[in-house]
């Protein structure tokens, strides 16, 4: 049975205008989500309700430092969510899917004075999502960046922030552009861009290539800003395939401009 507001009374308190009430509600939510038996009972609708409350918790939060702290706390929820041994993605992926769904739904309602804190929230959540994938096989045999977590996360990215099917109206252009702006930064923080020969390079290379493929789809978007931003991100000099001596340098047209201008006839 879905957990209704009688079982999650703290949801409405997340959007309170009183900072102390919001802080208390967030602490209650953290304990609520950390309990495996509780978290597994939540439905997709429950997670949407939770993120709607958290969206307005950020909305009501004023001043830069509290906003930064709140965004970090919300991203930190990803690492505290239970990961059942029989299906370690059963809770985290629905939680993150609801995050992207609510952000996409509310994005165009965010005014310019509040946009900066939501940009930060997206960055923190994206970084926490990749970190969760990388933490999946610590201490176990096999790649940290392969397996159930990696497959599920990449599929989620294809369905939401970097949506690539349907009429592409599910994700607002502004949100899509922001993800294209930050993915290389967050990958670098997690050492996904390691030099060839580094111990972690082989471990992370396959995941990065799969992420690259998702972004390359965006570089063929019918929306010119998305198309250009994707190509710019793929040509970032920090990426392994753009380094001097890379065998892939120049492939896929990533270093050949945005493809929207005419440079004359070839000789």
C-alpha atoms as a PDB file:
ATOM      1  CA  UNK A   1       0.000   0.000   0.000  1.00  0.00           C
ATOM      2  CA  UNK A   2       1.284   3.464  -0.826  1.00  0.00           C
ATOM      3  CA  UNK A   3       2.427   5.528   2.110  1.00  0.00           C
ATOM      4  CA  UNK A   4      -0.056   8.386   2.285  1.00  0.00           C
ATOM      5  CA  UNK A   5       0.336  11.694   4.118  1.00  0.00           C
ATOM      6  CA  UNK A   6      -0.930  10.134   7.347  1.00  0.00           C
ATOM      7  CA  UNK A   7       2.211   7.988   7.316  1.00  0.00           C
ATOM      8  CA  UNK A   8       4.416  10.808   6.021  1.00  0.00           C
ATOM      9  CA  UNK A   9       3.081  13.889   7.846  1.00  0.00           C
ATOM     10  CA  UNK A  10       6.463  15.589   7.549  1.00  0.00           C
ATOM     11  CA  UNK A  11       5.963  16.166   3.800  1.00  0.00           C
ATOM     12  CA  UNK A  12       3.930  19.356   4.254  1.00  0.00           C
ATOM     13  CA  UNK A  13       6.447  20.563   6.850  1.00  0.00           C
ATOM     14  CA  UNK A  14       9.266  20.368   4.289  1.00  0.00           C
ATOM     15  CA  UNK A  15       7.728  23.413   2.586  1.00  0.00           C
ATOM     16  CA  UNK A  16       7.124  25.378   5.787  1.00  0.00           C
ATOM     17  CA  UNK A  17       8.145  29.028   5.886  1.00  0.00           C
ATOM     18  CA  UNK A  18       9.704  28.318   9.308  1.00  0.00           C
ATOM     19  CA  UNK A  19      13.314  27.166   8.941  1.00  0.00           C
ATOM     20  CA  UNK A  20      13.256  25.153  12.178  1.00  0.00           C
ATOM     21  CA  UNK A  21      10.195  23.224  11.034  1.00  0.00           C
ATOM     22  CA  UNK A  22      11.814  22.496   7.656  1.00  0.00           C
ATOM     23  CA  UNK A  23      15.021  21.333   9.344  1.00  0.00           C
ATOM     24  CA  UNK A  24      13.112  19.038  11.683  1.00  0.00           C
ATOM     25  CA  UNK A  25      11.073  17.615   8.801  1.00  0.00           C
ATOM     26  CA  UNK A  26      14.229  16.881   6.818  1.00  0.00           C
ATOM     27  CA  UNK A  27      15.760  15.051   9.787  1.00  0.00           C
ATOM     28  CA  UNK A  28      12.588  12.971  10.096  1.00  0.00           C
ATOM     29  CA  UNK A  29      12.661  12.224   6.373  1.00  0.00           C
ATOM     30  CA  UNK A  30      16.271  11.063   6.603  1.00  0.00           C
ATOM     31  CA  UNK A  31      15.408   8.552   9.325  1.00  0.00           C
ATOM     32  CA  UNK A  32      12.275   7.508   7.444  1.00  0.00           C
ATOM     33  CA  UNK A  33      14.167   6.752   4.227  1.00  0.00           C
ATOM     34  CA  UNK A  34      17.034   4.991   5.997  1.00  0.00           C
ATOM     35  CA  UNK A  35      14.713   2.237   7.229  1.00  0.00           C
ATOM     36  CA  UNK A  36      14.761  -0.579   4.607  1.00  0.00           C
ATOM     37  CA  UNK A  37      11.313  -1.930   5.465  1.00  0.00           C
ATOM     38  CA  UNK A  38       9.810   1.547   5.165  1.00  0.00           C
ATOM     39  CA  UNK A  39      11.600   2.669   2.019  1.00  0.00           C
ATOM     40  CA  UNK A  40      10.711  -0.478   0.071  1.00  0.00           C
ATOM     41  CA  UNK A  41       7.007   0.125   0.638  1.00  0.00           C
ATOM     42  CA  UNK A  42       7.082   3.500  -1.095  1.00  0.00           C
ATOM     43  CA  UNK A  43       5.573   3.754  -4.563  1.00  0.00           C
ATOM     44  CA  UNK A  44       6.595   6.011  -7.444  1.00  0.00           C
ATOM     45  CA  UNK A  45       3.785   8.358  -6.404  1.00  0.00           C
ATOM     46  CA  UNK A  46       5.135   8.490  -2.847  1.00  0.00           C
ATOM     47  CA  UNK A  47       8.567   9.481  -4.105  1.00  0.00           C
ATOM     48  CA  UNK A  48       7.012  12.189  -6.274  1.00  0.00           C
ATOM     49  CA  UNK A  49       5.223  13.569  -3.193  1.00  0.00           C
ATOM     50  CA  UNK A  50       8.472  13.533  -1.241  1.00  0.00           C
ATOM     51  CA  UNK A  51      10.335  15.416  -3.955  1.00  0.00           C
ATOM     52  CA  UNK A  52       7.544  17.919  -4.371  1.00  0.00           C
ATOM     53  CA  UNK A  53       7.974  18.715  -0.666  1.00  0.00           C
ATOM     54  CA  UNK A  54      11.763  18.860  -1.032  1.00  0.00           C
ATOM     55  CA  UNK A  55      11.457  21.102  -4.082  1.00  0.00           C
ATOM     56  CA  UNK A  56       9.581  23.661  -1.989  1.00  0.00           C
ATOM     57  CA  UNK A  57      11.965  23.168   0.900  1.00  0.00           C
ATOM     58  CA  UNK A  58      14.671  24.510  -1.417  1.00  0.00           C
ATOM     59  CA  UNK A  59      12.262  27.187  -2.650  1.00  0.00           C
ATOM     60  CA  UNK A  60      11.768  28.502   0.886  1.00  0.00           C
ATOM     61  CA  UNK A  61      15.464  28.386   1.823  1.00  0.00           C
ATOM     62  CA  UNK A  62      17.123  31.819   1.787  1.00  0.00           C
ATOM     63  CA  UNK A  63      20.755  32.983   1.849  1.00  0.00           C
ATOM     64  CA  UNK A  64      23.655  31.287   0.035  1.00  0.00           C
ATOM     65  CA  UNK A  65      25.220  29.232   2.838  1.00  0.00           C
ATOM     66  CA  UNK A  66      21.953  27.611   4.043  1.00  0.00           C
ATOM     67  CA  UNK A  67      21.058  26.941   0.395  1.00  0.00           C
ATOM     68  CA  UNK A  68      24.410  25.255  -0.243  1.00  0.00           C
ATOM     69  CA  UNK A  69      24.068  23.180   2.909  1.00  0.00           C
ATOM     70  CA  UNK A  70      20.541  22.103   2.018  1.00  0.00           C
ATOM     71  CA  UNK A  71      21.535  21.037  -1.491  1.00  0.00           C
ATOM     72  CA  UNK A  72      24.388  18.996  -0.018  1.00  0.00           C
ATOM     73  CA  UNK A  73      22.024  17.391   2.495  1.00  0.00           C
ATOM     74  CA  UNK A  74      19.516  16.421  -0.166  1.00  0.00           C
ATOM     75  CA  UNK A  75      22.256  14.935  -2.350  1.00  0.00           C
ATOM     76  CA  UNK A  76      23.520  13.093   0.719  1.00  0.00           C
ATOM     77  CA  UNK A  77      20.221  11.225   0.944  1.00  0.00           C
ATOM     78  CA  UNK A  78      21.293   9.119  -2.038  1.00  0.00           C
ATOM     79  CA  UNK A  79      24.132   7.538  -0.063  1.00  0.00           C
ATOM     80  CA  UNK A  80      21.925   6.872   2.970  1.00  0.00           C
ATOM     81  CA  UNK A  81      19.152   5.084   1.076  1.00  0.00           C
ATOM     82  CA  UNK A  82      19.003   1.314   1.662  1.00  0.00           C
ATOM     83  CA  UNK A  83      20.376  -0.945  -1.070  1.00  0.00           C
ATOM     84  CA  UNK A  84      18.756  -4.399  -0.604  1.00  0.00           C
ATOM     85  CA  UNK A  85      21.028  -7.270  -1.557  1.00  0.00           C
ATOM     86  CA  UNK A  86      18.384  -8.796  -3.837  1.00  0.00           C
ATOM     87  CA  UNK A  87      17.869  -5.554  -5.786  1.00  0.00           C
ATOM     88  CA  UNK A  88      20.192  -2.735  -4.797  1.00  0.00           C
ATOM     89  CA  UNK A  89      18.561  -0.323  -7.248  1.00  0.00           C
ATOM     90  CA  UNK A  90      14.993  -0.872  -6.017  1.00  0.00           C
ATOM     91  CA  UNK A  91      14.979   2.221  -3.801  1.00  0.00           C
ATOM     92  CA  UNK A  92      17.661   4.568  -5.134  1.00  0.00           C
ATOM     93  CA  UNK A  93      16.557   4.605  -8.788  1.00  0.00           C
ATOM     94  CA  UNK A  94      12.859   5.388  -8.049  1.00  0.00           C
ATOM     95  CA  UNK A  95      14.025   8.108  -5.637  1.00  0.00           C
ATOM     96  CA  UNK A  96      16.220   9.689  -8.322  1.00  0.00           C
ATOM     97  CA  UNK A  97      13.609   9.241 -11.035  1.00  0.00           C
ATOM     98  CA  UNK A  98      11.161  11.217  -8.912  1.00  0.00           C
ATOM     99  CA  UNK A  99      13.785  13.941  -8.436  1.00  0.00           C
ATOM    100  CA  UNK A 100      14.219  14.399 -12.185  1.00  0.00           C
ATOM    101  CA  UNK A 101      10.473  14.198 -12.810  1.00  0.00           C
ATOM    102  CA  UNK A 102       9.686  16.946 -10.298  1.00  0.00           C
ATOM    103  CA  UNK A 103      12.559  19.181 -11.437  1.00  0.00           C
ATOM    104  CA  UNK A 104      11.455  18.795 -15.061  1.00  0.00           C
ATOM    105  CA  UNK A 105       7.847  19.528 -14.156  1.00  0.00           C
ATOM    106  CA  UNK A 106       8.661  22.619 -12.089  1.00  0.00           C
ATOM    107  CA  UNK A 107      11.673  23.968 -13.993  1.00  0.00           C
ATOM    108  CA  UNK A 108       9.881  26.631 -16.013  1.00  0.00           C
ATOM    109  CA  UNK A 109       8.184  27.971 -12.867  1.00  0.00           C
ATOM    110  CA  UNK A 110      11.513  28.809 -11.200  1.00  0.00           C
ATOM    111  CA  UNK A 111      12.127  32.551 -11.290  1.00  0.00           C
ATOM    112  CA  UNK A 112      15.522  34.038 -12.053  1.00  0.00           C
ATOM    113  CA  UNK A 113      16.189  34.952  -8.407  1.00  0.00           C
ATOM    114  CA  UNK A 114      15.782  31.324  -7.307  1.00  0.00           C
ATOM    115  CA  UNK A 115      17.341  29.564 -10.285  1.00  0.00           C
ATOM    116  CA  UNK A 116      20.899  29.527  -8.945  1.00  0.00           C
ATOM    117  CA  UNK A 117      20.078  27.298  -5.978  1.00  0.00           C
ATOM    118  CA  UNK A 118      18.257  24.824  -8.219  1.00  0.00           C
ATOM    119  CA  UNK A 119      21.217  24.731 -10.582  1.00  0.00           C
ATOM    120  CA  UNK A 120      23.344  23.827  -7.582  1.00  0.00           C
ATOM    121  CA  UNK A 121      20.840  21.182  -6.484  1.00  0.00           C
ATOM    122  CA  UNK A 122      20.967  19.519  -9.916  1.00  0.00           C
ATOM    123  CA  UNK A 123      24.775  19.525  -9.840  1.00  0.00           C
ATOM    124  CA  UNK A 124      24.897  17.991  -6.361  1.00  0.00           C
ATOM    125  CA  UNK A 125      22.288  15.347  -7.194  1.00  0.00           C
ATOM    126  CA  UNK A 126      24.009  14.398 -10.453  1.00  0.00           C
ATOM    127  CA  UNK A 127      27.353  14.087  -8.661  1.00  0.00           C
ATOM    128  CA  UNK A 128      25.805  12.020  -5.869  1.00  0.00           C
ATOM    129  CA  UNK A 129      24.191   9.756  -8.456  1.00  0.00           C
ATOM    130  CA  UNK A 130      27.518   8.991 -10.146  1.00  0.00           C
ATOM    131  CA  UNK A 131      29.186   8.518  -6.758  1.00  0.00           C
ATOM    132  CA  UNK A 132      26.534   5.966  -5.822  1.00  0.00           C
ATOM    133  CA  UNK A 133      27.362   3.974  -8.948  1.00  0.00           C
ATOM    134  CA  UNK A 134      31.073   4.043  -8.129  1.00  0.00           C
ATOM    135  CA  UNK A 135      30.512   2.911  -4.553  1.00  0.00           C
ATOM    136  CA  UNK A 136      28.573  -0.144  -5.640  1.00  0.00           C
ATOM    137  CA  UNK A 137      31.351  -2.713  -5.804  1.00  0.00           C
ATOM    138  CA  UNK A 138      33.908  -1.426  -3.322  1.00  0.00           C
ATOM    139  CA  UNK A 139      35.616  -4.390  -1.750  1.00  0.00           C
ATOM    140  CA  UNK A 140      34.110  -6.784  -4.305  1.00  0.00           C
ATOM    141  CA  UNK A 141      35.504  -8.426  -7.403  1.00  0.00           C
ATOM    142  CA  UNK A 142      34.735  -6.756 -10.696  1.00  0.00           C
ATOM    143  CA  UNK A 143      34.579  -3.190 -11.907  1.00  0.00           C
ATOM    144  CA  UNK A 144      33.113  -0.525  -9.643  1.00  0.00           C
ATOM    145  CA  UNK A 145      31.627   1.097 -12.733  1.00  0.00           C
ATOM    146  CA  UNK A 146      29.850  -1.935 -14.187  1.00  0.00           C
ATOM    147  CA  UNK A 147      26.921  -4.040 -13.115  1.00  0.00           C
ATOM    148  CA  UNK A 148      23.391  -3.371 -11.957  1.00  0.00           C
ATOM    149  CA  UNK A 149      24.008   0.122 -10.587  1.00  0.00           C
ATOM    150  CA  UNK A 150      25.797   1.336 -13.705  1.00  0.00           C
ATOM    151  CA  UNK A 151      23.199  -0.114 -16.066  1.00  0.00           C
ATOM    152  CA  UNK A 152      20.268   1.326 -14.095  1.00  0.00           C
ATOM    153  CA  UNK A 153      21.821   4.780 -13.727  1.00  0.00           C
ATOM    154  CA  UNK A 154      22.694   5.120 -17.393  1.00  0.00           C
ATOM    155  CA  UNK A 155      19.193   4.032 -18.327  1.00  0.00           C
ATOM    156  CA  UNK A 156      17.767   6.643 -15.960  1.00  0.00           C
ATOM    157  CA  UNK A 157      19.911   9.383 -17.502  1.00  0.00           C
ATOM    158  CA  UNK A 158      18.628   8.389 -20.947  1.00  0.00           C
ATOM    159  CA  UNK A 159      15.038   8.543 -19.741  1.00  0.00           C
ATOM    160  CA  UNK A 160      15.208  11.848 -17.899  1.00  0.00           C
ATOM    161  CA  UNK A 161      17.800  14.635 -17.936  1.00  0.00           C
ATOM    162  CA  UNK A 162      19.206  13.426 -21.269  1.00  0.00           C
ATOM    163  CA  UNK A 163      15.931  12.078 -22.616  1.00  0.00           C
ATOM    164  CA  UNK A 164      16.420  10.759 -26.152  1.00  0.00           C
ATOM    165  CA  UNK A 165      13.086   9.283 -27.245  1.00  0.00           C
ATOM    166  CA  UNK A 166       9.590  10.582 -27.942  1.00  0.00           C
ATOM    167  CA  UNK A 167       8.980  14.241 -28.692  1.00  0.00           C
ATOM    168  CA  UNK A 168      11.744  15.329 -26.245  1.00  0.00           C
ATOM    169  CA  UNK A 169       9.344  17.649 -24.421  1.00  0.00           C
ATOM    170  CA  UNK A 170       9.527  15.829 -21.092  1.00  0.00           C
ATOM    171  CA  UNK A 171      12.748  17.602 -20.066  1.00  0.00           C
ATOM    172  CA  UNK A 172      12.918  21.417 -20.435  1.00  0.00           C
ATOM    173  CA  UNK A 173      15.774  22.701 -22.577  1.00  0.00           C
ATOM    174  CA  UNK A 174      17.261  24.702 -19.695  1.00  0.00           C
ATOM    175  CA  UNK A 175      17.519  21.640 -17.465  1.00  0.00           C
ATOM    176  CA  UNK A 176      18.986  19.564 -20.277  1.00  0.00           C
ATOM    177  CA  UNK A 177      21.581  22.265 -21.034  1.00  0.00           C
ATOM    178  CA  UNK A 178      22.631  22.448 -17.391  1.00  0.00           C
ATOM    179  CA  UNK A 179      23.272  18.697 -17.225  1.00  0.00           C
ATOM    180  CA  UNK A 180      25.347  18.958 -20.402  1.00  0.00           C
ATOM    181  CA  UNK A 181      27.298  21.773 -18.738  1.00  0.00           C
ATOM    182  CA  UNK A 182      28.174  19.821 -15.609  1.00  0.00           C
ATOM    183  CA  UNK A 183      28.615  16.156 -16.486  1.00  0.00           C
ATOM    184  CA  UNK A 184      32.329  16.434 -17.291  1.00  0.00           C
ATOM    185  CA  UNK A 185      33.022  18.351 -14.055  1.00  0.00           C
ATOM    186  CA  UNK A 186      31.290  15.714 -11.947  1.00  0.00           C
ATOM    187  CA  UNK A 187      32.961  12.853 -13.819  1.00  0.00           C
ATOM    188  CA  UNK A 188      36.336  14.453 -13.185  1.00  0.00           C
ATOM    189  CA  UNK A 189      35.666  14.730  -9.434  1.00  0.00           C
ATOM    190  CA  UNK A 190      35.113  10.973  -9.326  1.00  0.00           C
ATOM    191  CA  UNK A 191      38.293  10.263 -11.317  1.00  0.00           C
ATOM    192  CA  UNK A 192      36.368   8.913 -14.260  1.00  0.00           C
ATOM    193  CA  UNK A 193      38.710  10.852 -16.553  1.00  0.00           C
ATOM    194  CA  UNK A 194      41.860   9.081 -15.384  1.00  0.00           C
ATOM    195  CA  UNK A 195      44.852   8.997 -17.745  1.00  0.00           C
ATOM    196  CA  UNK A 196      45.393   5.762 -19.635  1.00  0.00           C
ATOM    197  CA  UNK A 197      47.676   3.594 -17.555  1.00  0.00           C
ATOM    198  CA  UNK A 198      46.307   4.809 -14.220  1.00  0.00           C
ATOM    199  CA  UNK A 199      44.974   2.058 -11.971  1.00  0.00           C
ATOM    200  CA  UNK A 200      41.461   3.477 -12.153  1.00  0.00           C
ATOM    201  CA  UNK A 201      41.427   4.061 -15.924  1.00  0.00           C
ATOM    202  CA  UNK A 202      40.412   0.562 -16.946  1.00  0.00           C
ATOM    203  CA  UNK A 203      37.872   0.467 -14.145  1.00  0.00           C
ATOM    204  CA  UNK A 204      36.053   3.604 -15.252  1.00  0.00           C
ATOM    205  CA  UNK A 205      36.694   3.708 -18.994  1.00  0.00           C
ATOM    206  CA  UNK A 206      33.745   1.575 -20.070  1.00  0.00           C
ATOM    207  CA  UNK A 207      31.282   3.556 -17.963  1.00  0.00           C
ATOM    208  CA  UNK A 208      32.621   6.837 -19.347  1.00  0.00           C
ATOM    209  CA  UNK A 209      32.283   5.529 -22.899  1.00  0.00           C
ATOM    210  CA  UNK A 210      28.671   4.592 -22.250  1.00  0.00           C
ATOM    211  CA  UNK A 211      28.036   8.056 -20.818  1.00  0.00           C
ATOM    212  CA  UNK A 212      29.733   9.549 -23.865  1.00  0.00           C
ATOM    213  CA  UNK A 213      27.300   7.655 -26.119  1.00  0.00           C
ATOM    214  CA  UNK A 214      24.325   9.160 -24.289  1.00  0.00           C
ATOM    215  CA  UNK A 215      25.710  12.679 -24.710  1.00  0.00           C
ATOM    216  CA  UNK A 216      26.486  12.058 -28.384  1.00  0.00           C
ATOM    217  CA  UNK A 217      22.778  11.442 -28.979  1.00  0.00           C
ATOM    218  CA  UNK A 218      22.169  14.964 -27.639  1.00  0.00           C
ATOM    219  CA  UNK A 219      24.691  16.301 -30.162  1.00  0.00           C
ATOM    220  CA  UNK A 220      22.236  15.264 -32.878  1.00  0.00           C
ATOM    221  CA  UNK A 221      19.259  16.964 -31.249  1.00  0.00           C
ATOM    222  CA  UNK A 222      16.847  19.002 -33.347  1.00  0.00           C
ATOM    223  CA  UNK A 223      17.320  21.803 -30.784  1.00  0.00           C
ATOM    224  CA  UNK A 224      20.372  23.831 -31.797  1.00  0.00           C
ATOM    225  CA  UNK A 225      21.359  25.012 -28.259  1.00  0.00           C
ATOM    226  CA  UNK A 226      21.263  21.395 -27.010  1.00  0.00           C
ATOM    227  CA  UNK A 227      23.162  20.187 -30.057  1.00  0.00           C
ATOM    228  CA  UNK A 228      25.881  22.796 -29.657  1.00  0.00           C
ATOM    229  CA  UNK A 229      26.204  22.364 -25.895  1.00  0.00           C
ATOM    230  CA  UNK A 230      26.545  18.602 -26.228  1.00  0.00           C
ATOM    231  CA  UNK A 231      29.307  18.974 -28.829  1.00  0.00           C
ATOM    232  CA  UNK A 232      31.085  21.518 -26.648  1.00  0.00           C
ATOM    233  CA  UNK A 233      31.032  19.159 -23.681  1.00  0.00           C
ATOM    234  CA  UNK A 234      32.282  16.225 -25.766  1.00  0.00           C
ATOM    235  CA  UNK A 235      35.218  18.322 -26.981  1.00  0.00           C
ATOM    236  CA  UNK A 236      36.296  19.206 -23.425  1.00  0.00           C
ATOM    237  CA  UNK A 237      40.076  18.838 -23.288  1.00  0.00           C
ATOM    238  CA  UNK A 238      39.851  16.938 -19.988  1.00  0.00           C
ATOM    239  CA  UNK A 239      38.146  13.978 -21.647  1.00  0.00           C
ATOM    240  CA  UNK A 240      40.473  11.071 -22.554  1.00  0.00           C
ATOM    241  CA  UNK A 241      39.554  11.045 -26.237  1.00  0.00           C
ATOM    242  CA  UNK A 242      40.507  14.709 -26.629  1.00  0.00           C
ATOM    243  CA  UNK A 243      44.000  14.452 -25.187  1.00  0.00           C
ATOM    244  CA  UNK A 244      47.040  14.714 -27.457  1.00  0.00           C
ATOM    245  CA  UNK A 245      47.795  11.318 -28.950  1.00  0.00           C
ATOM    246  CA  UNK A 246      44.307   9.933 -28.336  1.00  0.00           C
ATOM    247  CA  UNK A 247      43.325   7.399 -31.004  1.00  0.00           C
ATOM    248  CA  UNK A 248      39.773   8.737 -30.934  1.00  0.00           C
ATOM    249  CA  UNK A 249      40.739  12.370 -31.466  1.00  0.00           C
ATOM    250  CA  UNK A 250      38.506  13.933 -34.076  1.00  0.00           C
ATOM    251  CA  UNK A 251      36.098  10.991 -34.215  1.00  0.00           C
ATOM    252  CA  UNK A 252      32.368  11.599 -34.478  1.00  0.00           C
ATOM    253  CA  UNK A 253      33.067  15.179 -35.542  1.00  0.00           C
ATOM    254  CA  UNK A 254      33.431  16.338 -31.934  1.00  0.00           C
ATOM    255  CA  UNK A 255      36.377  18.570 -32.820  1.00  0.00           C
ATOM    256  CA  UNK A 256      35.001  19.844 -36.083  1.00  0.00           C
ATOM    257  CA  UNK A 257      32.694  22.623 -34.966  1.00  0.00           C
ATOM    258  CA  UNK A 258      28.974  22.430 -34.408  1.00  0.00           C
ATOM    259  CA  UNK A 259      28.138  21.392 -37.952  1.00  0.00           C
ATOM    260  CA  UNK A 260      25.790  24.346 -38.418  1.00  0.00           C
ATOM    261  CA  UNK A 261      28.100  26.634 -40.390  1.00  0.00           C
ATOM    262  CA  UNK A 262      29.491  26.352 -43.943  1.00  0.00           C
ATOM    263  CA  UNK A 263      33.258  26.605 -44.342  1.00  0.00           C
ATOM    264  CA  UNK A 264      33.403  26.529 -48.113  1.00  0.00           C
ATOM    265  CA  UNK A 265      34.216  23.786 -50.596  1.00  0.00           C
ATOM    266  CA  UNK A 266      37.040  21.318 -50.049  1.00  0.00           C
ATOM    267  CA  UNK A 267      39.990  21.695 -52.419  1.00  0.00           C
END
